[in-house]
Amino acid sequence: MSRPQVEILYFEGCPNYEPARALVARLARELDLEPEIELIEVADPEAAVALRFLGSPTVRVEGMDVEPGAEERHDFAFSCRIYRSDGGASEQPEESWVRDALLEAAK
């Protein structure tokens, strides 16, 4: 069974990182994967820049942000993250982005 590396970056007090972790866990179960999920607390604005943190929660699989195009962004911030997609704005990444990233990592 594949064990993709998943990082969930967040800041203390963020209400959205636990739902992101639950989303990753649910999709992994559906895909019969057992990812290694690491929670990474971002302590301050300097750490946000150093970690290329686009806001809380940031979900990365095998070191790559699950949001398409996120690698091109440079708006690192010690703040909440808003994900934008065709479905509108959300505090969580699109399920399809997480699923696709997990499937790619499992190859």
PDB file of N, CA and C in Angstrom:
ATOM      1  N   MET A   1       0.851  -1.180   0.000  1.00  0.00           N
ATOM      2  CA  MET A   1       0.000   0.000   0.000  1.00  0.00           C
ATOM      3  C   MET A   1       0.897   1.243   0.000  1.00  0.00           C
ATOM      4  N   SER A   2       0.559   2.193  -0.817  1.00  0.00           N
ATOM      5  CA  SER A   2       1.335   3.420  -0.934  1.00  0.00           C
ATOM      6  C   SER A   2       1.123   4.311   0.287  1.00  0.00           C
ATOM      7  N   ARG A   3       2.189   5.039   0.654  1.00  0.00           N
ATOM      8  CA  ARG A   3       2.129   5.948   1.796  1.00  0.00           C
ATOM      9  C   ARG A   3       2.571   7.344   1.368  1.00  0.00           C
ATOM     10  N   PRO A   4       1.712   8.054   0.659  1.00  0.00           N
ATOM     11  CA  PRO A   4       2.078   9.415   0.253  1.00  0.00           C
ATOM     12  C   PRO A   4       2.353  10.307   1.463  1.00  0.00           C
ATOM     13  N   GLN A   5       3.296  11.225   1.283  1.00  0.00           N
ATOM     14  CA  GLN A   5       3.626  12.192   2.321  1.00  0.00           C
ATOM     15  C   GLN A   5       2.698  13.398   2.166  1.00  0.00           C
ATOM     16  N   VAL A   6       1.938  13.692   3.205  1.00  0.00           N
ATOM     17  CA  VAL A   6       1.019  14.827   3.186  1.00  0.00           C
ATOM     18  C   VAL A   6       1.398  15.766   4.320  1.00  0.00           C
ATOM     19  N   GLU A   7       1.534  17.039   3.987  1.00  0.00           N
ATOM     20  CA  GLU A   7       1.785  18.067   4.986  1.00  0.00           C
ATOM     21  C   GLU A   7       0.575  18.984   5.028  1.00  0.00           C
ATOM     22  N   ILE A   8       0.127  19.289   6.229  1.00  0.00           N
ATOM     23  CA  ILE A   8      -0.925  20.273   6.417  1.00  0.00           C
ATOM     24  C   ILE A   8      -0.327  21.379   7.275  1.00  0.00           C
ATOM     25  N   LEU A   9      -0.116  22.528   6.641  1.00  0.00           N
ATOM     26  CA  LEU A   9       0.456  23.674   7.322  1.00  0.00           C
ATOM     27  C   LEU A   9      -0.683  24.542   7.847  1.00  0.00           C
ATOM     28  N   TYR A  10      -0.528  25.028   9.068  1.00  0.00           N
ATOM     29  CA  TYR A  10      -1.585  25.800   9.722  1.00  0.00           C
ATOM     30  C   TYR A  10      -0.966  26.714  10.766  1.00  0.00           C
ATOM     31  N   PHE A  11      -1.783  27.609  11.304  1.00  0.00           N
ATOM     32  CA  PHE A  11      -1.333  28.383  12.460  1.00  0.00           C
ATOM     33  C   PHE A  11      -2.250  28.071  13.633  1.00  0.00           C
ATOM     34  N   GLU A  12      -1.709  28.235  14.828  1.00  0.00           N
ATOM     35  CA  GLU A  12      -2.479  27.924  16.032  1.00  0.00           C
ATOM     36  C   GLU A  12      -3.751  28.757  16.069  1.00  0.00           C
ATOM     37  N   GLY A  13      -4.852  28.093  16.365  1.00  0.00           N
ATOM     38  CA  GLY A  13      -6.141  28.762  16.432  1.00  0.00           C
ATOM     39  C   GLY A  13      -6.928  28.706  15.130  1.00  0.00           C
ATOM     40  N   CYS A  14      -6.327  28.188  14.080  1.00  0.00           N
ATOM     41  CA  CYS A  14      -7.026  28.076  12.802  1.00  0.00           C
ATOM     42  C   CYS A  14      -8.135  27.035  12.915  1.00  0.00           C
ATOM     43  N   PRO A  15      -9.377  27.411  12.605  1.00  0.00           N
ATOM     44  CA  PRO A  15     -10.476  26.450  12.694  1.00  0.00           C
ATOM     45  C   PRO A  15     -10.579  25.542  11.473  1.00  0.00           C
ATOM     46  N   ASN A  16      -9.747  25.770  10.453  1.00  0.00           N
ATOM     47  CA  ASN A  16      -9.935  25.062   9.184  1.00  0.00           C
ATOM     48  C   ASN A  16      -8.964  23.914   8.930  1.00  0.00           C
ATOM     49  N   TYR A  17      -7.933  23.770   9.760  1.00  0.00           N
ATOM     50  CA  TYR A  17      -6.975  22.715   9.445  1.00  0.00           C
ATOM     51  C   TYR A  17      -7.487  21.326   9.805  1.00  0.00           C
ATOM     52  N   GLU A  18      -8.289  21.196  10.855  1.00  0.00           N
ATOM     53  CA  GLU A  18      -8.840  19.871  11.197  1.00  0.00           C
ATOM     54  C   GLU A  18      -9.791  19.370  10.098  1.00  0.00           C
ATOM     55  N   PRO A  19     -10.678  20.211   9.556  1.00  0.00           N
ATOM     56  CA  PRO A  19     -11.484  19.740   8.424  1.00  0.00           C
ATOM     57  C   PRO A  19     -10.625  19.357   7.211  1.00  0.00           C
ATOM     58  N   ALA A  20      -9.517  20.048   6.997  1.00  0.00           N
ATOM     59  CA  ALA A  20      -8.615  19.689   5.894  1.00  0.00           C
ATOM     60  C   ALA A  20      -7.993  18.321   6.160  1.00  0.00           C
ATOM     61  N   ARG A  21      -7.591  18.093   7.394  1.00  0.00           N
ATOM     62  CA  ARG A  21      -7.029  16.777   7.750  1.00  0.00           C
ATOM     63  C   ARG A  21      -8.080  15.682   7.570  1.00  0.00           C
ATOM     64  N   ALA A  22      -9.309  15.957   7.967  1.00  0.00           N
ATOM     65  CA  ALA A  22     -10.388  14.981   7.801  1.00  0.00           C
ATOM     66  C   ALA A  22     -10.653  14.704   6.323  1.00  0.00           C
ATOM     67  N   LEU A  23     -10.575  15.739   5.492  1.00  0.00           N
ATOM     68  CA  LEU A  23     -10.764  15.566   4.048  1.00  0.00           C
ATOM     69  C   LEU A  23      -9.691  14.652   3.473  1.00  0.00           C
ATOM     70  N   VAL A  24      -8.437  14.898   3.831  1.00  0.00           N
ATOM     71  CA  VAL A  24      -7.338  14.056   3.351  1.00  0.00           C
ATOM     72  C   VAL A  24      -7.543  12.609   3.812  1.00  0.00           C
ATOM     73  N   ALA A  25      -7.884  12.430   5.071  1.00  0.00           N
ATOM     74  CA  ALA A  25      -8.074  11.079   5.615  1.00  0.00           C
ATOM     75  C   ALA A  25      -9.222  10.355   4.916  1.00  0.00           C
ATOM     76  N   ARG A  26     -10.321  11.049   4.694  1.00  0.00           N
ATOM     77  CA  ARG A  26     -11.474  10.417   4.031  1.00  0.00           C
ATOM     78  C   ARG A  26     -11.132  10.002   2.599  1.00  0.00           C
ATOM     79  N   LEU A  27     -10.507  10.899   1.853  1.00  0.00           N
ATOM     80  CA  LEU A  27     -10.154  10.581   0.475  1.00  0.00           C
ATOM     81  C   LEU A  27      -9.129   9.453   0.414  1.00  0.00           C
ATOM     82  N   ALA A  28      -8.194   9.451   1.338  1.00  0.00           N
ATOM     83  CA  ALA A  28      -7.195   8.375   1.380  1.00  0.00           C
ATOM     84  C   ALA A  28      -7.874   7.021   1.614  1.00  0.00           C
ATOM     85  N   ARG A  29      -8.847   6.986   2.531  1.00  0.00           N
ATOM     86  CA  ARG A  29      -9.578   5.736   2.768  1.00  0.00           C
ATOM     87  C   ARG A  29     -10.298   5.288   1.504  1.00  0.00           C
ATOM     88  N   GLU A  30     -10.954   6.227   0.825  1.00  0.00           N
ATOM     89  CA  GLU A  30     -11.675   5.900  -0.406  1.00  0.00           C
ATOM     90  C   GLU A  30     -10.738   5.355  -1.484  1.00  0.00           C
ATOM     91  N   LEU A  31      -9.495   5.845  -1.481  1.00  0.00           N
ATOM     92  CA  LEU A  31      -8.512   5.424  -2.484  1.00  0.00           C
ATOM     93  C   LEU A  31      -7.650   4.254  -2.012  1.00  0.00           C
ATOM     94  N   ASP A  32      -7.935   3.750  -0.814  1.00  0.00           N
ATOM     95  CA  ASP A  32      -7.177   2.650  -0.205  1.00  0.00           C
ATOM     96  C   ASP A  32      -5.701   3.016  -0.056  1.00  0.00           C
ATOM     97  N   LEU A  33      -5.447   4.219   0.434  1.00  0.00           N
ATOM     98  CA  LEU A  33      -4.097   4.703   0.696  1.00  0.00           C
ATOM     99  C   LEU A  33      -3.947   4.990   2.181  1.00  0.00           C
ATOM    100  N   GLU A  34      -2.719   4.928   2.650  1.00  0.00           N
ATOM    101  CA  GLU A  34      -2.418   5.286   4.038  1.00  0.00           C
ATOM    102  C   GLU A  34      -1.344   6.368   4.034  1.00  0.00           C
ATOM    103  N   PRO A  35      -1.748   7.616   3.854  1.00  0.00           N
ATOM    104  CA  PRO A  35      -0.743   8.678   3.810  1.00  0.00           C
ATOM    105  C   PRO A  35      -0.121   8.916   5.180  1.00  0.00           C
ATOM    106  N   GLU A  36       1.092   9.415   5.147  1.00  0.00           N
ATOM    107  CA  GLU A  36       1.728   9.882   6.364  1.00  0.00           C
ATOM    108  C   GLU A  36       1.412  11.369   6.444  1.00  0.00           C
ATOM    109  N   ILE A  37       0.535  11.733   7.374  1.00  0.00           N
ATOM    110  CA  ILE A  37       0.086  13.110   7.502  1.00  0.00           C
ATOM    111  C   ILE A  37       0.887  13.798   8.593  1.00  0.00           C
ATOM    112  N   GLU A  38       1.535  14.896   8.208  1.00  0.00           N
ATOM    113  CA  GLU A  38       2.312  15.685   9.156  1.00  0.00           C
ATOM    114  C   GLU A  38       1.666  17.057   9.293  1.00  0.00           C
ATOM    115  N   LEU A  39       1.351  17.427  10.513  1.00  0.00           N
ATOM    116  CA  LEU A  39       0.842  18.761  10.794  1.00  0.00           C
ATOM    117  C   LEU A  39       2.028  19.664  11.080  1.00  0.00           C
ATOM    118  N   ILE A  40       2.090  20.790  10.371  1.00  0.00           N
ATOM    119  CA  ILE A  40       3.195  21.721  10.539  1.00  0.00           C
ATOM    120  C   ILE A  40       2.625  23.062  10.983  1.00  0.00           C
ATOM    121  N   GLU A  41       2.934  23.432  12.210  1.00  0.00           N
ATOM    122  CA  GLU A  41       2.459  24.721  12.727  1.00  0.00           C
ATOM    123  C   GLU A  41       3.382  25.834  12.253  1.00  0.00           C
ATOM    124  N   VAL A  42       2.806  26.847  11.647  1.00  0.00           N
ATOM    125  CA  VAL A  42       3.533  28.030  11.203  1.00  0.00           C
ATOM    126  C   VAL A  42       3.421  29.049  12.330  1.00  0.00           C
ATOM    127  N   ALA A  43       4.567  29.446  12.863  1.00  0.00           N
ATOM    128  CA  ALA A  43       4.573  30.220  14.105  1.00  0.00           C
ATOM    129  C   ALA A  43       4.385  31.717  13.933  1.00  0.00           C
ATOM    130  N   ASP A  44       4.846  32.274  12.794  1.00  0.00           N
ATOM    131  CA  ASP A  44       4.827  33.728  12.660  1.00  0.00           C
ATOM    132  C   ASP A  44       4.995  34.114  11.190  1.00  0.00           C
ATOM    133  N   PRO A  45       4.895  35.411  10.873  1.00  0.00           N
ATOM    134  CA  PRO A  45       5.012  35.845   9.477  1.00  0.00           C
ATOM    135  C   PRO A  45       6.346  35.472   8.818  1.00  0.00           C
ATOM    136  N   GLU A  46       7.425  35.473   9.576  1.00  0.00           N
ATOM    137  CA  GLU A  46       8.722  35.099   9.016  1.00  0.00           C
ATOM    138  C   GLU A  46       8.724  33.628   8.610  1.00  0.00           C
ATOM    139  N   ALA A  47       8.143  32.777   9.453  1.00  0.00           N
ATOM    140  CA  ALA A  47       8.045  31.353   9.130  1.00  0.00           C
ATOM    141  C   ALA A  47       7.137  31.152   7.914  1.00  0.00           C
ATOM    142  N   ALA A  48       6.094  31.982   7.793  1.00  0.00           N
ATOM    143  CA  ALA A  48       5.192  31.882   6.643  1.00  0.00           C
ATOM    144  C   ALA A  48       5.959  32.067   5.344  1.00  0.00           C
ATOM    145  N   VAL A  49       6.837  33.040   5.306  1.00  0.00           N
ATOM    146  CA  VAL A  49       7.640  33.284   4.101  1.00  0.00           C
ATOM    147  C   VAL A  49       8.622  32.130   3.882  1.00  0.00           C
ATOM    148  N   ALA A  50       9.303  31.721   4.941  1.00  0.00           N
ATOM    149  CA  ALA A  50      10.299  30.653   4.822  1.00  0.00           C
ATOM    150  C   ALA A  50       9.677  29.345   4.335  1.00  0.00           C
ATOM    151  N   LEU A  51       8.447  29.081   4.759  1.00  0.00           N
ATOM    152  CA  LEU A  51       7.763  27.834   4.385  1.00  0.00           C
ATOM    153  C   LEU A  51       6.907  27.968   3.126  1.00  0.00           C
ATOM    154  N   ARG A  52       6.914  29.153   2.511  1.00  0.00           N
ATOM    155  CA  ARG A  52       6.100  29.417   1.321  1.00  0.00           C
ATOM    156  C   ARG A  52       4.618  29.122   1.630  1.00  0.00           C
ATOM    157  N   PHE A  53       4.181  29.647   2.758  1.00  0.00           N
ATOM    158  CA  PHE A  53       2.854  29.398   3.326  1.00  0.00           C
ATOM    159  C   PHE A  53       1.850  30.367   2.717  1.00  0.00           C
ATOM    160  N   LEU A  54       0.861  29.820   2.018  1.00  0.00           N
ATOM    161  CA  LEU A  54      -0.157  30.635   1.362  1.00  0.00           C
ATOM    162  C   LEU A  54      -1.387  30.853   2.234  1.00  0.00           C
ATOM    163  N   GLY A  55      -1.299  30.451   3.483  1.00  0.00           N
ATOM    164  CA  GLY A  55      -2.408  30.607   4.420  1.00  0.00           C
ATOM    165  C   GLY A  55      -2.839  29.272   4.979  1.00  0.00           C
ATOM    166  N   SER A  56      -3.630  29.350   6.033  1.00  0.00           N
ATOM    167  CA  SER A  56      -4.058  28.160   6.761  1.00  0.00           C
ATOM    168  C   SER A  56      -5.472  27.760   6.390  1.00  0.00           C
ATOM    169  N   PRO A  57      -5.649  26.500   6.012  1.00  0.00           N
ATOM    170  CA  PRO A  57      -4.672  25.434   5.909  1.00  0.00           C
ATOM    171  C   PRO A  57      -4.065  25.353   4.501  1.00  0.00           C
ATOM    172  N   THR A  58      -2.813  24.971   4.448  1.00  0.00           N
ATOM    173  CA  THR A  58      -2.153  24.658   3.180  1.00  0.00           C
ATOM    174  C   THR A  58      -1.925  23.162   3.165  1.00  0.00           C
ATOM    175  N   VAL A  59      -2.378  22.503   2.122  1.00  0.00           N
ATOM    176  CA  VAL A  59      -2.235  21.050   1.993  1.00  0.00           C
ATOM    177  C   VAL A  59      -1.241  20.764   0.872  1.00  0.00           C
ATOM    178  N   ARG A  60      -0.202  20.019   1.215  1.00  0.00           N
ATOM    179  CA  ARG A  60       0.809  19.622   0.238  1.00  0.00           C
ATOM    180  C   ARG A  60       0.936  18.106   0.229  1.00  0.00           C
ATOM    181  N   VAL A  61       1.032  17.543  -0.964  1.00  0.00           N
ATOM    182  CA  VAL A  61       1.263  16.112  -1.129  1.00  0.00           C
ATOM    183  C   VAL A  61       2.594  15.958  -1.841  1.00  0.00           C
ATOM    184  N   GLU A  62       3.488  15.204  -1.218  1.00  0.00           N
ATOM    185  CA  GLU A  62       4.840  15.023  -1.748  1.00  0.00           C
ATOM    186  C   GLU A  62       5.495  16.384  -2.018  1.00  0.00           C
ATOM    187  N   GLY A  63       5.242  17.339  -1.130  1.00  0.00           N
ATOM    188  CA  GLY A  63       5.873  18.647  -1.200  1.00  0.00           C
ATOM    189  C   GLY A  63       5.221  19.645  -2.131  1.00  0.00           C
ATOM    190  N   MET A  64       4.195  19.223  -2.856  1.00  0.00           N
ATOM    191  CA  MET A  64       3.529  20.102  -3.821  1.00  0.00           C
ATOM    192  C   MET A  64       2.151  20.505  -3.306  1.00  0.00           C
ATOM    193  N   ASP A  65       1.857  21.802  -3.371  1.00  0.00           N
ATOM    194  CA  ASP A  65       0.547  22.308  -2.989  1.00  0.00           C
ATOM    195  C   ASP A  65      -0.510  21.645  -3.877  1.00  0.00           C
ATOM    196  N   VAL A  66      -1.641  21.272  -3.286  1.00  0.00           N
ATOM    197  CA  VAL A  66      -2.681  20.596  -4.070  1.00  0.00           C
ATOM    198  C   VAL A  66      -3.429  21.539  -5.010  1.00  0.00           C
ATOM    199  N   GLU A  67      -3.365  22.839  -4.744  1.00  0.00           N
ATOM    200  CA  GLU A  67      -4.078  23.791  -5.597  1.00  0.00           C
ATOM    201  C   GLU A  67      -3.308  23.998  -6.906  1.00  0.00           C
ATOM    202  N   PRO A  68      -3.950  23.766  -8.043  1.00  0.00           N
ATOM    203  CA  PRO A  68      -3.270  24.001  -9.312  1.00  0.00           C
ATOM    204  C   PRO A  68      -2.794  25.447  -9.423  1.00  0.00           C
ATOM    205  N   GLY A  69      -1.546  25.609  -9.849  1.00  0.00           N
ATOM    206  CA  GLY A  69      -0.988  26.944 -10.024  1.00  0.00           C
ATOM    207  C   GLY A  69      -0.405  27.567  -8.770  1.00  0.00           C
ATOM    208  N   ALA A  70      -0.550  26.921  -7.629  1.00  0.00           N
ATOM    209  CA  ALA A  70      -0.075  27.511  -6.370  1.00  0.00           C
ATOM    210  C   ALA A  70       1.437  27.698  -6.356  1.00  0.00           C
ATOM    211  N   GLU A  71       2.162  26.871  -7.078  1.00  0.00           N
ATOM    212  CA  GLU A  71       3.624  26.977  -7.087  1.00  0.00           C
ATOM    213  C   GLU A  71       4.093  28.291  -7.696  1.00  0.00           C
ATOM    214  N   GLU A  72       3.246  28.934  -8.487  1.00  0.00           N
ATOM    215  CA  GLU A  72       3.592  30.208  -9.113  1.00  0.00           C
ATOM    216  C   GLU A  72       3.323  31.405  -8.199  1.00  0.00           C
ATOM    217  N   ARG A  73       2.637  31.175  -7.103  1.00  0.00           N
ATOM    218  CA  ARG A  73       2.242  32.275  -6.218  1.00  0.00           C
ATOM    219  C   ARG A  73       3.367  32.669  -5.271  1.00  0.00           C
ATOM    220  N   HIS A  74       3.343  33.941  -4.864  1.00  0.00           N
ATOM    221  CA  HIS A  74       4.333  34.463  -3.930  1.00  0.00           C
ATOM    222  C   HIS A  74       3.681  35.322  -2.849  1.00  0.00           C
ATOM    223  N   ASP A  75       2.373  35.159  -2.667  1.00  0.00           N
ATOM    224  CA  ASP A  75       1.649  35.953  -1.672  1.00  0.00           C
ATOM    225  C   ASP A  75       1.605  35.210  -0.327  1.00  0.00           C
ATOM    226  N   PHE A  76       2.792  34.919   0.200  1.00  0.00           N
ATOM    227  CA  PHE A  76       2.902  34.185   1.444  1.00  0.00           C
ATOM    228  C   PHE A  76       2.406  35.063   2.586  1.00  0.00           C
ATOM    229  N   ALA A  77       1.621  34.456   3.481  1.00  0.00           N
ATOM    230  CA  ALA A  77       0.997  35.255   4.533  1.00  0.00           C
ATOM    231  C   ALA A  77       0.663  34.399   5.744  1.00  0.00           C
ATOM    232  N   PHE A  78       0.756  35.018   6.884  1.00  0.00           N
ATOM    233  CA  PHE A  78       0.363  34.402   8.142  1.00  0.00           C
ATOM    234  C   PHE A  78      -1.111  34.732   8.345  1.00  0.00           C
ATOM    235  N   SER A  79      -1.967  34.016   7.613  1.00  0.00           N
ATOM    236  CA  SER A  79      -3.400  34.322   7.613  1.00  0.00           C
ATOM    237  C   SER A  79      -4.194  33.084   7.221  1.00  0.00           C
ATOM    238  N   CYS A  80      -5.502  33.236   7.220  1.00  0.00           N
ATOM    239  CA  CYS A  80      -6.364  32.166   6.730  1.00  0.00           C
ATOM    240  C   CYS A  80      -6.220  32.079   5.218  1.00  0.00           C
ATOM    241  N   ARG A  81      -6.472  30.906   4.676  1.00  0.00           N
ATOM    242  CA  ARG A  81      -6.379  30.714   3.229  1.00  0.00           C
ATOM    243  C   ARG A  81      -7.764  30.573   2.647  1.00  0.00           C
ATOM    244  N   ILE A  82      -7.954  31.219   1.521  1.00  0.00           N
ATOM    245  CA  ILE A  82      -9.188  31.073   0.756  1.00  0.00           C
ATOM    246  C   ILE A  82      -8.815  30.406  -0.566  1.00  0.00           C
ATOM    247  N   TYR A  83      -9.442  29.287  -0.831  1.00  0.00           N
ATOM    248  CA  TYR A  83      -9.231  28.575  -2.087  1.00  0.00           C
ATOM    249  C   TYR A  83     -10.301  29.024  -3.071  1.00  0.00           C
ATOM    250  N   ARG A  84      -9.882  29.322  -4.291  1.00  0.00           N
ATOM    251  CA  ARG A  84     -10.824  29.746  -5.326  1.00  0.00           C
ATOM    252  C   ARG A  84     -10.832  28.729  -6.452  1.00  0.00           C
ATOM    253  N   SER A  85     -12.036  28.384  -6.884  1.00  0.00           N
ATOM    254  CA  SER A  85     -12.190  27.435  -7.978  1.00  0.00           C
ATOM    255  C   SER A  85     -13.459  27.790  -8.733  1.00  0.00           C
ATOM    256  N   ASP A  86     -13.788  26.983  -9.715  1.00  0.00           N
ATOM    257  CA  ASP A  86     -15.017  27.201 -10.471  1.00  0.00           C
ATOM    258  C   ASP A  86     -16.243  27.144  -9.563  1.00  0.00           C
ATOM    259  N   GLY A  87     -16.126  26.429  -8.451  1.00  0.00           N
ATOM    260  CA  GLY A  87     -17.236  26.308  -7.515  1.00  0.00           C
ATOM    261  C   GLY A  87     -17.367  27.479  -6.555  1.00  0.00           C
ATOM    262  N   GLY A  88     -16.461  28.451  -6.644  1.00  0.00           N
ATOM    263  CA  GLY A  88     -16.496  29.613  -5.754  1.00  0.00           C
ATOM    264  C   GLY A  88     -15.337  29.598  -4.778  1.00  0.00           C
ATOM    265  N   ALA A  89     -15.479  30.332  -3.702  1.00  0.00           N
ATOM    266  CA  ALA A  89     -14.437  30.437  -2.684  1.00  0.00           C
ATOM    267  C   ALA A  89     -14.745  29.486  -1.526  1.00  0.00           C
ATOM    268  N   SER A  90     -13.672  28.926  -0.946  1.00  0.00           N
ATOM    269  CA  SER A  90     -13.838  27.981   0.144  1.00  0.00           C
ATOM    270  C   SER A  90     -12.635  28.057   1.075  1.00  0.00           C
ATOM    271  N   GLU A  91     -12.839  27.631   2.302  1.00  0.00           N
ATOM    272  CA  GLU A  91     -11.750  27.565   3.271  1.00  0.00           C
ATOM    273  C   GLU A  91     -11.004  26.247   3.179  1.00  0.00           C
ATOM    274  N   GLN A  92     -11.439  25.368   2.275  1.00  0.00           N
ATOM    275  CA  GLN A  92     -10.830  24.057   2.077  1.00  0.00           C
ATOM    276  C   GLN A  92     -10.471  23.876   0.602  1.00  0.00           C
ATOM    277  N   PRO A  93      -9.423  23.088   0.331  1.00  0.00           N
ATOM    278  CA  PRO A  93      -9.123  22.802  -1.068  1.00  0.00           C
ATOM    279  C   PRO A  93     -10.220  21.934  -1.691  1.00  0.00           C
ATOM    280  N   GLU A  94     -10.348  22.014  -2.995  1.00  0.00           N
ATOM    281  CA  GLU A  94     -11.308  21.176  -3.719  1.00  0.00           C
ATOM    282  C   GLU A  94     -10.969  19.703  -3.499  1.00  0.00           C
ATOM    283  N   GLU A  95     -11.985  18.884  -3.308  1.00  0.00           N
ATOM    284  CA  GLU A  95     -11.763  17.448  -3.145  1.00  0.00           C
ATOM    285  C   GLU A  95     -10.994  16.871  -4.323  1.00  0.00           C
ATOM    286  N   SER A  96     -11.338  17.315  -5.523  1.00  0.00           N
ATOM    287  CA  SER A  96     -10.686  16.759  -6.720  1.00  0.00           C
ATOM    288  C   SER A  96      -9.190  17.060  -6.716  1.00  0.00           C
ATOM    289  N   TRP A  97      -8.790  18.232  -6.192  1.00  0.00           N
ATOM    290  CA  TRP A  97      -7.366  18.558  -6.143  1.00  0.00           C
ATOM    291  C   TRP A  97      -6.626  17.598  -5.209  1.00  0.00           C
ATOM    292  N   VAL A  98      -7.220  17.347  -4.050  1.00  0.00           N
ATOM    293  CA  VAL A  98      -6.589  16.454  -3.073  1.00  0.00           C
ATOM    294  C   VAL A  98      -6.567  15.032  -3.621  1.00  0.00           C
ATOM    295  N   ARG A  99      -7.670  14.582  -4.183  1.00  0.00           N
ATOM    296  CA  ARG A  99      -7.743  13.237  -4.760  1.00  0.00           C
ATOM    297  C   ARG A  99      -6.692  13.060  -5.846  1.00  0.00           C
ATOM    298  N   ASP A 100      -6.617  14.027  -6.766  1.00  0.00           N
ATOM    299  CA  ASP A 100      -5.641  13.926  -7.862  1.00  0.00           C
ATOM    300  C   ASP A 100      -4.219  13.887  -7.326  1.00  0.00           C
ATOM    301  N   ALA A 101      -3.913  14.694  -6.323  1.00  0.00           N
ATOM    302  CA  ALA A 101      -2.567  14.724  -5.751  1.00  0.00           C
ATOM    303  C   ALA A 101      -2.234  13.395  -5.078  1.00  0.00           C
ATOM    304  N   LEU A 102      -3.194  12.837  -4.360  1.00  0.00           N
ATOM    305  CA  LEU A 102      -2.954  11.531  -3.709  1.00  0.00           C
ATOM    306  C   LEU A 102      -2.760  10.432  -4.747  1.00  0.00           C
ATOM    307  N   LEU A 103      -3.575  10.442  -5.781  1.00  0.00           N
ATOM    308  CA  LEU A 103      -3.435   9.428  -6.847  1.00  0.00           C
ATOM    309  C   LEU A 103      -2.093   9.543  -7.546  1.00  0.00           C
ATOM    310  N   GLU A 104      -1.674  10.754  -7.826  1.00  0.00           N
ATOM    311  CA  GLU A 104      -0.373  10.966  -8.482  1.00  0.00           C
ATOM    312  C   GLU A 104       0.760  10.469  -7.596  1.00  0.00           C
ATOM    313  N   ALA A 105       0.674  10.733  -6.295  1.00  0.00           N
ATOM    314  CA  ALA A 105       1.712  10.309  -5.365  1.00  0.00           C
ATOM    315  C   ALA A 105       1.757   8.787  -5.215  1.00  0.00           C
ATOM    316  N   ALA A 106       0.638   8.124  -5.442  1.00  0.00           N
ATOM    317  CA  ALA A 106       0.552   6.684  -5.268  1.00  0.00           C
ATOM    318  C   ALA A 106       1.105   5.908  -6.451  1.00  0.00           C
ATOM    319  N   LYS A 107       1.394   6.587  -7.545  1.00  0.00           N
ATOM    320  CA  LYS A 107       1.888   5.894  -8.746  1.00  0.00           C
ATOM    321  C   LYS A 107       3.255   5.291  -8.511  1.00  0.00           C
TER     322      LYS A 107
END
